[in-house]
Amino acid sequence: MDYRKLYREVNEEVFNEMKTYIIEEFKKSNKLRCYLKIQQPIIEHYNNIVASLINKLKDINSSLLKTYNVGLSDYNCSYFEELIEAVCENEIEDLLVDFSDEDKHDIIYTLLKQDLISRKTNDFRNGRAYFDLIRQTEKYKWFVFKGKDGFSLDNTAEYKEMYYLLNPEDRPEVNKQTNISIKEFSDEEILVLRGVFYKVIERSFKYQDNRSVPFTKNDFNKMISILGNLEEEINLTSTANPSCTSYQTFLKLYDGLSSQKRHDKLDILIDKFKIYNIKPIDIALKKYRKTNNI
């Protein structure tokens, strides 16, 4: 059985079903009604579904759920799909030797479904402010359960835009006089920004259940413009030269520095970069400054 494929199918099915149900509940609600009064019945609805699925699994084999949950913590995998595959192949299959292939499929499907509904219900509970903004602004196209690259939903560009739609007086004024040259960044700073940009994208595809680019199209285009301005640029048509400055490992540029010197350099870069208002990079730079990690 292709467990990764089954996981993706169940994940998409659960996401679409929950999105449709929750949006319908939002549409039925009065926008002046307290959000918690709307959220709680939705959470209870999905808790009941999960409880029903768990009871179904217990009737099949009382060890199934415990074995599955313990297995999720017993394997060290980079991708959640890989983790699911490892648990199902090495732990769950042994409990299902007496079942037909069709029955095995249905049982694994039920295991995955109860897990995914439970996880997304928890995300829905934790994203209260974000989902209330979706309800009030009717920006249903921005319905997601997780922020990109693992960031909180409250730190997304979509959250900010919905907030300003409801509170236009809080939107910062654009200073049309400001015209910062991209070349104010040194080659060293651009290489660091390239490394951070790469890491943010890498993390979004490595750790998310629903993988997507962690930038708006506008922010992505801004980053491409910022990052393509080195004095000593790589030769795109020749073999890479590892000794060239452009080929140094991006984030290792600051590894040899003392903690204080790295902080000083990153403080300057963070201050220069903040005018572009690209949230994932702002957060990653601050994390890099604090932990020397992305």
Protein backbone atom coordinates (compact mmCIF):
# COMPACT_ATOMS: atom_id res chain seq x y z
CA MET A 1 0.00 0.00 0.00
CA ASP A 2 1.26 3.48 -0.86
CA TYR A 3 0.92 5.11 2.55
CA ARG A 4 2.27 8.47 1.46
CA LYS A 5 -0.26 8.70 -1.34
CA LEU A 6 -3.07 7.67 1.01
CA TYR A 7 -1.96 10.29 3.54
CA ARG A 8 -2.02 13.05 0.89
CA GLU A 9 -5.47 11.99 -0.27
CA VAL A 10 -6.91 11.92 3.25
CA ASN A 11 -5.23 15.20 4.13
CA GLU A 12 -6.75 16.92 1.11
CA GLU A 13 -10.15 15.38 1.77
CA VAL A 14 -10.17 16.45 5.43
CA PHE A 15 -8.94 19.96 4.59
CA ASN A 16 -11.61 20.52 1.93
CA GLU A 17 -14.40 19.08 4.07
CA MET A 18 -13.48 21.10 7.15
CA LYS A 19 -12.95 24.28 5.13
CA THR A 20 -16.39 23.94 3.53
CA TYR A 21 -18.13 23.20 6.83
CA ILE A 22 -16.43 25.99 8.79
CA ILE A 23 -17.04 28.60 6.09
CA GLU A 24 -20.71 27.63 5.95
CA GLU A 25 -20.92 28.09 9.73
CA PHE A 26 -19.24 31.49 9.38
CA LYS A 27 -21.69 32.56 6.68
CA LYS A 28 -24.65 31.62 8.89
CA SER A 29 -23.36 33.61 11.85
CA ASN A 30 -24.05 37.23 12.73
CA LYS A 31 -20.79 39.19 12.42
CA LEU A 32 -21.52 40.94 15.71
CA ARG A 33 -21.78 37.63 17.54
CA CYS A 34 -18.90 36.73 19.86
CA TYR A 35 -16.47 34.54 17.90
CA LEU A 36 -16.03 32.03 20.72
CA LYS A 37 -19.76 31.29 20.58
CA ILE A 38 -19.26 30.29 16.93
CA GLN A 39 -15.94 28.52 17.35
CA GLN A 40 -16.90 26.24 20.22
CA PRO A 41 -19.77 24.35 18.50
CA ILE A 42 -17.51 23.78 15.48
CA ILE A 43 -14.78 22.33 17.71
CA GLU A 44 -17.35 20.13 19.49
CA HIS A 45 -18.65 18.93 16.12
CA TYR A 46 -15.20 17.72 15.08
CA ASN A 47 -14.35 16.34 18.52
CA ASN A 48 -17.46 14.15 18.20
CA ILE A 49 -16.38 12.95 14.76
CA VAL A 50 -12.91 12.07 16.09
CA ALA A 51 -14.45 10.24 19.08
CA SER A 52 -16.64 8.21 16.72
CA LEU A 53 -13.66 7.25 14.54
CA ILE A 54 -11.63 6.28 17.62
CA ASN A 55 -14.45 4.03 18.86
CA LYS A 56 -14.56 2.40 15.44
CA LEU A 57 -10.81 1.68 15.65
CA LYS A 58 -11.14 0.29 19.20
CA ASP A 59 -13.82 -2.12 18.02
CA ILE A 60 -11.39 -3.44 15.39
CA ASN A 61 -8.34 -3.70 17.65
CA SER A 62 -7.92 -1.98 21.01
CA SER A 63 -4.15 -1.59 20.40
CA LEU A 64 -4.41 0.21 17.06
CA LEU A 65 -4.63 3.79 18.25
CA LYS A 66 -2.02 3.46 21.00
CA THR A 67 0.40 1.74 18.63
CA TYR A 68 -0.11 4.47 16.04
CA ASN A 69 0.38 7.34 18.51
CA VAL A 70 3.45 5.78 20.12
CA GLY A 71 4.87 5.10 16.66
CA LEU A 72 4.62 8.78 15.72
CA SER A 73 7.12 9.60 18.47
CA ASP A 74 9.39 6.58 17.89
CA TYR A 75 10.63 7.48 14.40
CA ASN A 76 12.88 10.35 13.36
CA CYS A 77 11.76 11.45 9.89
CA SER A 78 12.20 14.71 8.01
CA TYR A 79 8.76 14.66 6.39
CA PHE A 80 5.42 13.85 7.99
CA GLU A 81 4.50 11.64 5.02
CA GLU A 82 7.68 9.65 5.64
CA LEU A 83 6.77 9.34 9.33
CA ILE A 84 3.29 8.03 8.47
CA GLU A 85 4.82 5.50 6.09
CA ALA A 86 7.31 4.28 8.71
CA VAL A 87 4.64 3.87 11.41
CA CYS A 88 2.18 2.10 9.14
CA GLU A 89 4.75 -0.27 7.63
CA ASN A 90 6.62 -1.12 10.82
CA GLU A 91 3.95 -0.92 13.51
CA ILE A 92 0.40 -1.05 12.16
CA GLU A 93 0.77 -3.73 9.49
CA ASP A 94 1.63 -6.33 12.14
CA LEU A 95 -1.77 -5.74 13.74
CA LEU A 96 -3.63 -6.21 10.46
CA VAL A 97 -2.23 -9.49 9.11
CA ASP A 98 -5.65 -11.19 9.27
CA PHE A 99 -7.44 -8.49 7.27
CA SER A 100 -7.97 -8.24 3.53
CA ASP A 101 -6.18 -5.51 1.57
CA GLU A 102 -9.45 -3.61 1.25
CA ASP A 103 -10.09 -3.76 5.00
CA LYS A 104 -6.49 -2.72 5.72
CA HIS A 105 -6.97 0.31 3.48
CA ASP A 106 -10.15 1.29 5.31
CA ILE A 107 -8.54 0.90 8.73
CA ILE A 108 -5.46 2.97 7.82
CA TYR A 109 -7.77 5.54 6.24
CA THR A 110 -9.70 5.78 9.54
CA LEU A 111 -6.47 6.10 11.54
CA LEU A 112 -5.23 8.92 9.35
CA LYS A 113 -8.58 10.68 9.23
CA GLN A 114 -9.02 10.85 13.01
CA ASP A 115 -5.45 12.12 13.37
CA LEU A 116 -5.78 14.80 10.68
CA ILE A 117 -9.16 16.03 11.91
CA SER A 118 -7.77 16.25 15.43
CA ARG A 119 -4.69 18.20 14.27
CA LYS A 120 -6.68 20.63 12.13
CA THR A 121 -9.24 21.13 14.89
CA ASN A 122 -6.40 22.08 17.19
CA ASP A 123 -5.03 24.50 14.57
CA PHE A 124 -8.51 25.99 14.24
CA ARG A 125 -8.71 26.45 18.02
CA ASN A 126 -5.28 28.09 18.19
CA GLY A 127 -5.89 30.38 15.20
CA ARG A 128 -8.85 32.15 16.77
CA ALA A 129 -7.85 35.70 15.77
CA TYR A 130 -7.05 34.70 12.18
CA PHE A 131 -10.27 32.77 11.63
CA ASP A 132 -12.37 35.53 13.16
CA LEU A 133 -10.85 37.95 10.64
CA ILE A 134 -11.74 35.53 7.81
CA ARG A 135 -15.31 35.39 9.12
CA GLN A 136 -15.64 39.17 9.34
CA THR A 137 -13.88 40.08 6.08
CA GLU A 138 -15.23 37.07 4.12
CA LYS A 139 -11.75 36.47 2.70
CA TYR A 140 -12.43 32.75 2.40
CA LYS A 141 -9.69 32.28 -0.21
CA TRP A 142 -7.18 32.78 2.63
CA PHE A 143 -8.55 29.88 4.65
CA VAL A 144 -5.64 27.73 5.84
CA PHE A 145 -4.93 25.85 9.07
CA LYS A 146 -1.19 26.57 9.29
CA GLY A 147 0.99 29.59 8.70
CA LYS A 148 3.65 29.26 6.05
CA ASP A 149 7.06 28.00 7.17
CA GLY A 150 5.67 27.16 10.58
CA PHE A 151 4.94 30.78 11.50
CA SER A 152 1.82 31.72 13.42
CA LEU A 153 -1.21 32.63 11.33
CA ASP A 154 -1.12 35.97 13.13
CA ASN A 155 2.22 36.73 11.46
CA THR A 156 1.03 36.29 7.88
CA ALA A 157 0.54 39.00 5.26
CA GLU A 158 -3.07 37.82 4.94
CA TYR A 159 -3.72 38.43 8.63
CA LYS A 160 -2.29 41.93 8.36
CA GLU A 161 -4.35 42.77 5.28
CA MET A 162 -7.61 41.51 6.83
CA TYR A 163 -6.87 43.47 10.01
CA TYR A 164 -6.35 46.67 8.00
CA LEU A 165 -9.57 46.07 6.06
CA LEU A 166 -11.43 46.17 9.37
CA ASN A 167 -9.22 48.87 10.90
CA PRO A 168 -8.15 51.15 8.02
CA GLU A 169 -7.10 53.88 10.45
CA ASP A 170 -4.28 51.61 11.66
CA ARG A 171 -2.77 51.05 8.19
CA PRO A 172 0.66 52.74 8.11
CA GLU A 173 1.04 55.59 5.68
CA VAL A 174 3.34 54.98 2.72
CA ASN A 175 6.11 57.54 2.56
CA LYS A 176 6.33 58.26 -1.15
CA GLN A 177 9.54 60.21 -0.57
CA THR A 178 11.33 57.04 0.55
CA ASN A 179 13.40 55.48 -2.20
CA ILE A 180 16.03 53.17 -0.75
CA SER A 181 18.55 51.83 -3.20
CA ILE A 182 18.88 48.06 -3.18
CA LYS A 183 22.64 48.55 -3.50
CA GLU A 184 22.75 49.88 0.03
CA PHE A 185 23.19 46.19 0.91
CA SER A 186 26.77 44.98 0.83
CA ASP A 187 27.68 41.80 -1.07
CA GLU A 188 28.08 40.07 2.29
CA GLU A 189 24.58 41.15 3.38
CA ILE A 190 23.04 40.04 0.09
CA LEU A 191 24.65 36.61 0.48
CA VAL A 192 23.22 36.34 3.98
CA LEU A 193 19.79 37.36 2.66
CA ARG A 194 20.10 34.73 -0.07
CA GLY A 195 20.82 32.10 2.56
CA VAL A 196 17.89 33.15 4.72
CA PHE A 197 15.59 33.27 1.67
CA TYR A 198 16.67 29.75 0.69
CA LYS A 199 16.21 28.39 4.22
CA VAL A 200 12.73 29.87 4.58
CA ILE A 201 11.61 28.24 1.32
CA GLU A 202 13.34 24.95 2.21
CA ARG A 203 11.61 24.79 5.59
CA SER A 204 8.20 25.50 4.08
CA PHE A 205 8.51 22.48 1.79
CA LYS A 206 10.19 20.24 4.36
CA TYR A 207 8.00 20.61 7.43
CA GLN A 208 4.51 21.65 6.35
CA ASP A 209 1.63 19.27 5.73
CA ASN A 210 0.29 21.58 3.02
CA ARG A 211 3.41 22.77 1.24
CA SER A 212 3.26 26.18 -0.43
CA VAL A 213 5.55 29.08 -1.18
CA PRO A 214 5.84 31.17 2.01
CA PHE A 215 5.71 34.51 0.18
CA THR A 216 3.14 36.56 -1.66
CA LYS A 217 3.97 37.09 -5.34
CA ASN A 218 4.79 40.70 -4.60
CA ASP A 219 7.21 39.82 -1.77
CA PHE A 220 8.79 37.06 -3.87
CA ASN A 221 9.46 39.56 -6.69
CA LYS A 222 10.91 42.04 -4.19
CA MET A 223 13.27 39.37 -2.89
CA ILE A 224 14.44 38.46 -6.42
CA SER A 225 15.24 42.12 -7.08
CA ILE A 226 17.12 42.49 -3.79
CA LEU A 227 19.11 39.28 -4.11
CA GLY A 228 20.35 39.73 -7.67
CA ASN A 229 22.81 42.55 -7.05
CA LEU A 230 26.28 41.26 -6.26
CA GLU A 231 29.43 43.01 -7.47
CA GLU A 232 30.99 39.60 -8.14
CA GLU A 233 28.12 37.57 -9.55
CA ILE A 234 28.19 33.91 -10.46
CA ASN A 235 28.72 32.87 -14.07
CA LEU A 236 25.48 31.12 -15.05
CA THR A 237 27.00 29.34 -18.06
CA SER A 238 30.15 27.89 -16.53
CA THR A 239 31.04 25.33 -13.87
CA ALA A 240 30.66 26.57 -10.29
CA ASN A 241 33.85 27.87 -8.72
CA PRO A 242 33.73 27.05 -4.99
CA SER A 243 36.42 29.64 -4.24
CA CYS A 244 34.25 32.47 -5.58
CA THR A 245 32.64 34.60 -2.87
CA SER A 246 29.21 33.93 -4.36
CA TYR A 247 29.63 30.20 -3.76
CA GLN A 248 30.41 30.40 -0.07
CA THR A 249 27.80 28.63 2.03
CA PHE A 250 25.34 31.44 2.63
CA LEU A 251 24.83 31.47 6.37
CA LYS A 252 28.37 30.43 7.28
CA LEU A 253 29.61 33.93 6.49
CA TYR A 254 28.99 34.93 10.10
CA ASP A 255 29.86 31.63 11.78
CA GLY A 256 33.43 32.64 12.56
CA LEU A 257 32.37 35.83 14.30
CA SER A 258 31.92 36.33 17.99
CA SER A 259 28.32 36.35 19.17
CA GLN A 260 28.40 40.11 19.74
CA LYS A 261 29.88 40.88 16.32
CA ARG A 262 27.32 38.65 14.60
CA HIS A 263 24.56 40.42 16.53
CA ASP A 264 25.91 43.82 15.48
CA LYS A 265 26.05 42.86 11.80
CA LEU A 266 22.57 41.37 11.87
CA ASP A 267 21.15 44.35 13.74
CA ILE A 268 22.31 46.56 10.87
CA LEU A 269 20.90 44.17 8.25
CA ILE A 270 17.56 43.81 10.09
CA ASP A 271 17.25 47.59 10.32
CA LYS A 272 18.03 48.05 6.61
CA PHE A 273 15.66 45.28 5.52
CA LYS A 274 12.60 46.17 7.59
CA ILE A 275 11.40 48.83 5.12
CA TYR A 276 10.58 46.08 2.60
CA ASN A 277 8.04 44.59 5.03
CA ILE A 278 8.60 40.95 4.04
CA LYS A 279 7.44 39.16 7.19
CA PRO A 280 8.96 35.66 6.75
CA ILE A 281 12.43 37.16 6.16
CA ASP A 282 12.06 39.64 9.05
CA ILE A 283 11.22 36.77 11.41
CA ALA A 284 13.99 34.51 10.07
CA LEU A 285 16.65 37.24 10.40
CA LYS A 286 15.65 37.89 14.00
CA LYS A 287 15.77 34.16 14.75
CA TYR A 288 19.19 33.90 13.06
CA ARG A 289 20.45 36.78 15.20
CA LYS A 290 19.15 35.21 18.41
CA THR A 291 19.98 31.53 17.83
CA ASN A 292 22.50 31.45 14.93
CA ASN A 293 19.94 29.20 13.26
CA ILE A 294 17.01 29.50 10.87
